[in-house]
C-alpha atoms as a PDB file:
ATOM      1  CA  MET A   1      12.045 -41.509 -27.718  1.00  0.00           C
ATOM      2  CA  ASP A   2      13.213 -45.041 -26.879  1.00  0.00           C
ATOM      3  CA  LYS A   3      16.037 -46.107 -29.205  1.00  0.00           C
ATOM      4  CA  GLY A   4      15.490 -49.807 -28.435  1.00  0.00           C
ATOM      5  CA  ASN A   5      18.482 -50.019 -26.115  1.00  0.00           C
ATOM      6  CA  GLY A   6      16.709 -48.538 -23.108  1.00  0.00           C
ATOM      7  CA  THR A   7      18.053 -45.021 -23.631  1.00  0.00           C
ATOM      8  CA  THR A   8      15.853 -42.008 -24.072  1.00  0.00           C
ATOM      9  CA  HIS A   9      16.510 -38.838 -26.037  1.00  0.00           C
ATOM     10  CA  VAL A  10      14.654 -35.745 -24.921  1.00  0.00           C
ATOM     11  CA  THR A  11      14.147 -33.264 -27.740  1.00  0.00           C
ATOM     12  CA  SER A  12      13.608 -29.549 -27.523  1.00  0.00           C
ATOM     13  CA  GLY A  13      11.075 -29.768 -30.330  1.00  0.00           C
ATOM     14  CA  SER A  14      13.478 -28.299 -32.887  1.00  0.00           C
ATOM     15  CA  VAL A  15      15.955 -30.486 -34.711  1.00  0.00           C
ATOM     16  CA  PHE A  16      18.060 -27.379 -35.370  1.00  0.00           C
ATOM     17  CA  ASP A  17      18.473 -26.758 -31.641  1.00  0.00           C
ATOM     18  CA  ASP A  18      19.023 -30.459 -30.942  1.00  0.00           C
ATOM     19  CA  ILE A  19      21.994 -30.819 -33.307  1.00  0.00           C
ATOM     20  CA  GLY A  20      23.949 -28.212 -31.385  1.00  0.00           C
ATOM     21  CA  LEU A  21      23.772 -25.178 -33.665  1.00  0.00           C
ATOM     22  CA  GLU A  22      24.261 -21.734 -32.205  1.00  0.00           C
ATOM     23  CA  PRO A  23      20.848 -20.197 -31.384  1.00  0.00           C
ATOM     24  CA  SER A  24      21.168 -17.580 -34.148  1.00  0.00           C
ATOM     25  CA  GLU A  25      22.120 -20.249 -36.702  1.00  0.00           C
ATOM     26  CA  ALA A  26      19.270 -22.510 -35.587  1.00  0.00           C
ATOM     27  CA  ALA A  27      16.759 -19.644 -35.823  1.00  0.00           C
ATOM     28  CA  ASN A  28      17.923 -18.752 -39.340  1.00  0.00           C
ATOM     29  CA  LEU A  29      17.754 -22.342 -40.531  1.00  0.00           C
ATOM     30  CA  LYS A  30      14.335 -22.835 -38.960  1.00  0.00           C
ATOM     31  CA  LEU A  31      12.942 -19.727 -40.694  1.00  0.00           C
ATOM     32  CA  ARG A  32      14.436 -20.722 -44.038  1.00  0.00           C
ATOM     33  CA  SER A  33      13.013 -24.237 -43.686  1.00  0.00           C
ATOM     34  CA  GLN A  34       9.549 -22.901 -42.915  1.00  0.00           C
ATOM     35  CA  LEU A  35       9.571 -20.539 -45.911  1.00  0.00           C
ATOM     36  CA  LEU A  36      10.960 -23.239 -48.197  1.00  0.00           C
ATOM     37  CA  TYR A  37       8.202 -25.599 -47.067  1.00  0.00           C
ATOM     38  CA  ILE A  38       5.553 -22.966 -47.840  1.00  0.00           C
ATOM     39  CA  ALA A  39       7.064 -22.208 -51.259  1.00  0.00           C
ATOM     40  CA  ARG A  40       7.151 -25.935 -52.107  1.00  0.00           C
ATOM     41  CA  ASN A  41       3.544 -26.413 -51.032  1.00  0.00           C
ATOM     42  CA  ILE A  42       2.369 -23.487 -53.165  1.00  0.00           C
ATOM     43  CA  ILE A  43       3.901 -25.192 -56.211  1.00  0.00           C
ATOM     44  CA  LYS A  44       2.206 -28.465 -55.281  1.00  0.00           C
ATOM     45  CA  ILE A  45      -1.211 -26.936 -54.514  1.00  0.00           C
ATOM     46  CA  LYS A  46      -1.228 -24.896 -57.728  1.00  0.00           C
ATOM     47  CA  GLY A  47      -0.063 -27.925 -59.714  1.00  0.00           C
ATOM     48  CA  MET A  48       2.718 -25.928 -61.372  1.00  0.00           C
ATOM     49  CA  LYS A  49       5.337 -27.357 -63.676  1.00  0.00           C
ATOM     50  CA  GLN A  50       8.923 -26.311 -62.902  1.00  0.00           C
ATOM     51  CA  MET A  51       9.048 -23.672 -65.654  1.00  0.00           C
ATOM     52  CA  GLU A  52       5.769 -22.163 -64.390  1.00  0.00           C
ATOM     53  CA  ALA A  53       7.113 -22.102 -60.849  1.00  0.00           C
ATOM     54  CA  ALA A  54      10.342 -20.480 -62.039  1.00  0.00           C
ATOM     55  CA  GLU A  55       8.384 -17.650 -63.653  1.00  0.00           C
ATOM     56  CA  PHE A  56       6.043 -17.407 -60.660  1.00  0.00           C
ATOM     57  CA  TYR A  57       8.927 -16.992 -58.197  1.00  0.00           C
ATOM     58  CA  GLY A  58      11.354 -15.163 -60.489  1.00  0.00           C
ATOM     59  CA  ILE A  59      14.018 -17.868 -60.281  1.00  0.00           C
ATOM     60  CA  THR A  60      15.589 -20.361 -62.678  1.00  0.00           C
ATOM     61  CA  ARG A  61      14.232 -23.846 -63.388  1.00  0.00           C
ATOM     62  CA  PRO A  62      17.275 -25.471 -61.700  1.00  0.00           C
ATOM     63  CA  GLN A  63      16.533 -23.365 -58.595  1.00  0.00           C
ATOM     64  CA  VAL A  64      12.942 -24.645 -58.646  1.00  0.00           C
ATOM     65  CA  SER A  65      14.332 -28.183 -58.714  1.00  0.00           C
ATOM     66  CA  GLU A  66      16.443 -27.383 -55.635  1.00  0.00           C
ATOM     67  CA  LEU A  67      13.390 -25.836 -53.960  1.00  0.00           C
ATOM     68  CA  VAL A  68      11.193 -28.856 -54.687  1.00  0.00           C
ATOM     69  CA  ASN A  69      13.949 -31.188 -53.427  1.00  0.00           C
ATOM     70  CA  GLY A  70      14.211 -29.283 -50.134  1.00  0.00           C
ATOM     71  CA  LYS A  71      17.755 -27.949 -50.601  1.00  0.00           C
ATOM     72  CA  VAL A  72      17.412 -25.322 -47.874  1.00  0.00           C
ATOM     73  CA  SER A  73      21.150 -24.575 -47.977  1.00  0.00           C
ATOM     74  CA  ARG A  74      20.722 -23.184 -51.503  1.00  0.00           C
ATOM     75  CA  PHE A  75      18.309 -20.434 -50.407  1.00  0.00           C
ATOM     76  CA  SER A  76      19.031 -17.467 -48.170  1.00  0.00           C
ATOM     77  CA  LEU A  77      16.346 -15.964 -45.987  1.00  0.00           C
ATOM     78  CA  ASP A  78      16.421 -12.875 -48.222  1.00  0.00           C
ATOM     79  CA  LYS A  79      15.950 -14.973 -51.368  1.00  0.00           C
ATOM     80  CA  LEU A  80      12.954 -16.845 -49.945  1.00  0.00           C
ATOM     81  CA  VAL A  81      11.286 -13.628 -48.760  1.00  0.00           C
ATOM     82  CA  LEU A  82      11.888 -12.053 -52.188  1.00  0.00           C
ATOM     83  CA  MET A  83      10.456 -15.090 -54.005  1.00  0.00           C
ATOM     84  CA  LEU A  84       7.301 -15.213 -51.902  1.00  0.00           C
ATOM     85  CA  THR A  85       6.654 -11.464 -52.089  1.00  0.00           C
ATOM     86  CA  ARG A  86       7.196 -11.524 -55.881  1.00  0.00           C
ATOM     87  CA  ALA A  87       4.559 -14.230 -55.969  1.00  0.00           C
ATOM     88  CA  GLY A  88       2.112 -11.919 -54.187  1.00  0.00           C
ATOM     89  CA  TYR A  89       2.397 -13.140 -50.608  1.00  0.00           C
ATOM     90  CA  SER A  90       2.905 -10.935 -47.576  1.00  0.00           C
ATOM     91  CA  MET A  91       4.554 -11.880 -44.306  1.00  0.00           C
ATOM     92  CA  GLU A  92       4.519 -10.865 -40.676  1.00  0.00           C
ATOM     93  CA  VAL A  93       7.235 -11.455 -38.141  1.00  0.00           C
ATOM     94  CA  ASN A  94       6.557 -12.243 -34.500  1.00  0.00           C
ATOM     95  CA  LEU A  95       9.460 -11.992 -32.117  1.00  0.00           C
ATOM     96  CA  SER A  96       9.694 -13.129 -28.548  1.00  0.00           C
ATOM     97  CA  ARG A  97      12.555 -12.801 -26.128  1.00  0.00           C
ATOM     98  CA  ALA A  98      14.587 -15.938 -25.664  1.00  0.00           C
ATOM     99  CA  VAL A  99      14.438 -17.431 -22.192  1.00  0.00           C
ATOM    100  CA  ASP A 100      17.190 -15.998 -20.044  1.00  0.00           C
ATOM    101  CA  PRO A 101      19.390 -18.633 -18.398  1.00  0.00           C
ATOM    102  CA  GLU A 102      18.958 -16.828 -15.081  1.00  0.00           C
ATOM    103  CA  PRO A 103      15.789 -14.961 -14.149  1.00  0.00           C
ATOM    104  CA  PRO A 104      16.409 -11.265 -13.549  1.00  0.00           C
ATOM    105  CA  CYS A 105      16.619 -10.054  -9.965  1.00  0.00           C
ATOM    106  CA  THR A 106      13.840  -7.499  -9.636  1.00  0.00           C
ATOM    107  CA  GLN A 107      14.736  -6.218  -6.191  1.00  0.00           C
ATOM    108  CA  ALA A 108      17.494  -7.029  -3.742  1.00  0.00           C
ATOM    109  CA  ILE A 109      17.366  -5.799  -0.172  1.00  0.00           C
ATOM    110  CA  LEU A 110      20.337  -6.116   2.156  1.00  0.00           C
ATOM    111  CA  LYS A 111      18.792  -6.480   5.610  1.00  0.00           C
ATOM    112  CA  ASP A 112      22.133  -6.630   7.381  1.00  0.00           C
ATOM    113  CA  ASP A 113      25.582  -7.832   6.441  1.00  0.00           C
ATOM    114  CA  ARG A 114      24.490 -11.497   6.659  1.00  0.00           C
ATOM    115  CA  GLU A 115      21.113 -11.578   4.907  1.00  0.00           C
ATOM    116  CA  LEU A 116      20.165 -10.677   1.345  1.00  0.00           C
ATOM    117  CA  GLN A 117      16.498 -10.838   0.469  1.00  0.00           C
ATOM    118  CA  ILE A 118      15.538 -11.063  -3.199  1.00  0.00           C
ATOM    119  CA  ALA A 119      11.998 -10.150  -4.082  1.00  0.00           C
END
């Protein structure tokens, strides 16, 4: 993105990665943000008042206010999963291996003491 001064910032596609968090921290924050977003949208779509949402999710009205205001730091991953399952939702987790900084060497053959062939 051009900042108007001729410089460009290339993003990874995740603000959590871009701000320099450790990969595990960024992954946790990204998951919590996604679940918080879903929980907020359910409240909006169902047209719930805060007290209704509190009962629906099994939390307090002040916690609903924090949820609606996007206070992701106030909700653990466990808490968000518990809230959504209490509300009757199920979840699936898909994992993929992070990209290794160096590709693995599948086969190395030493032809003589001067040449190493990697296949």
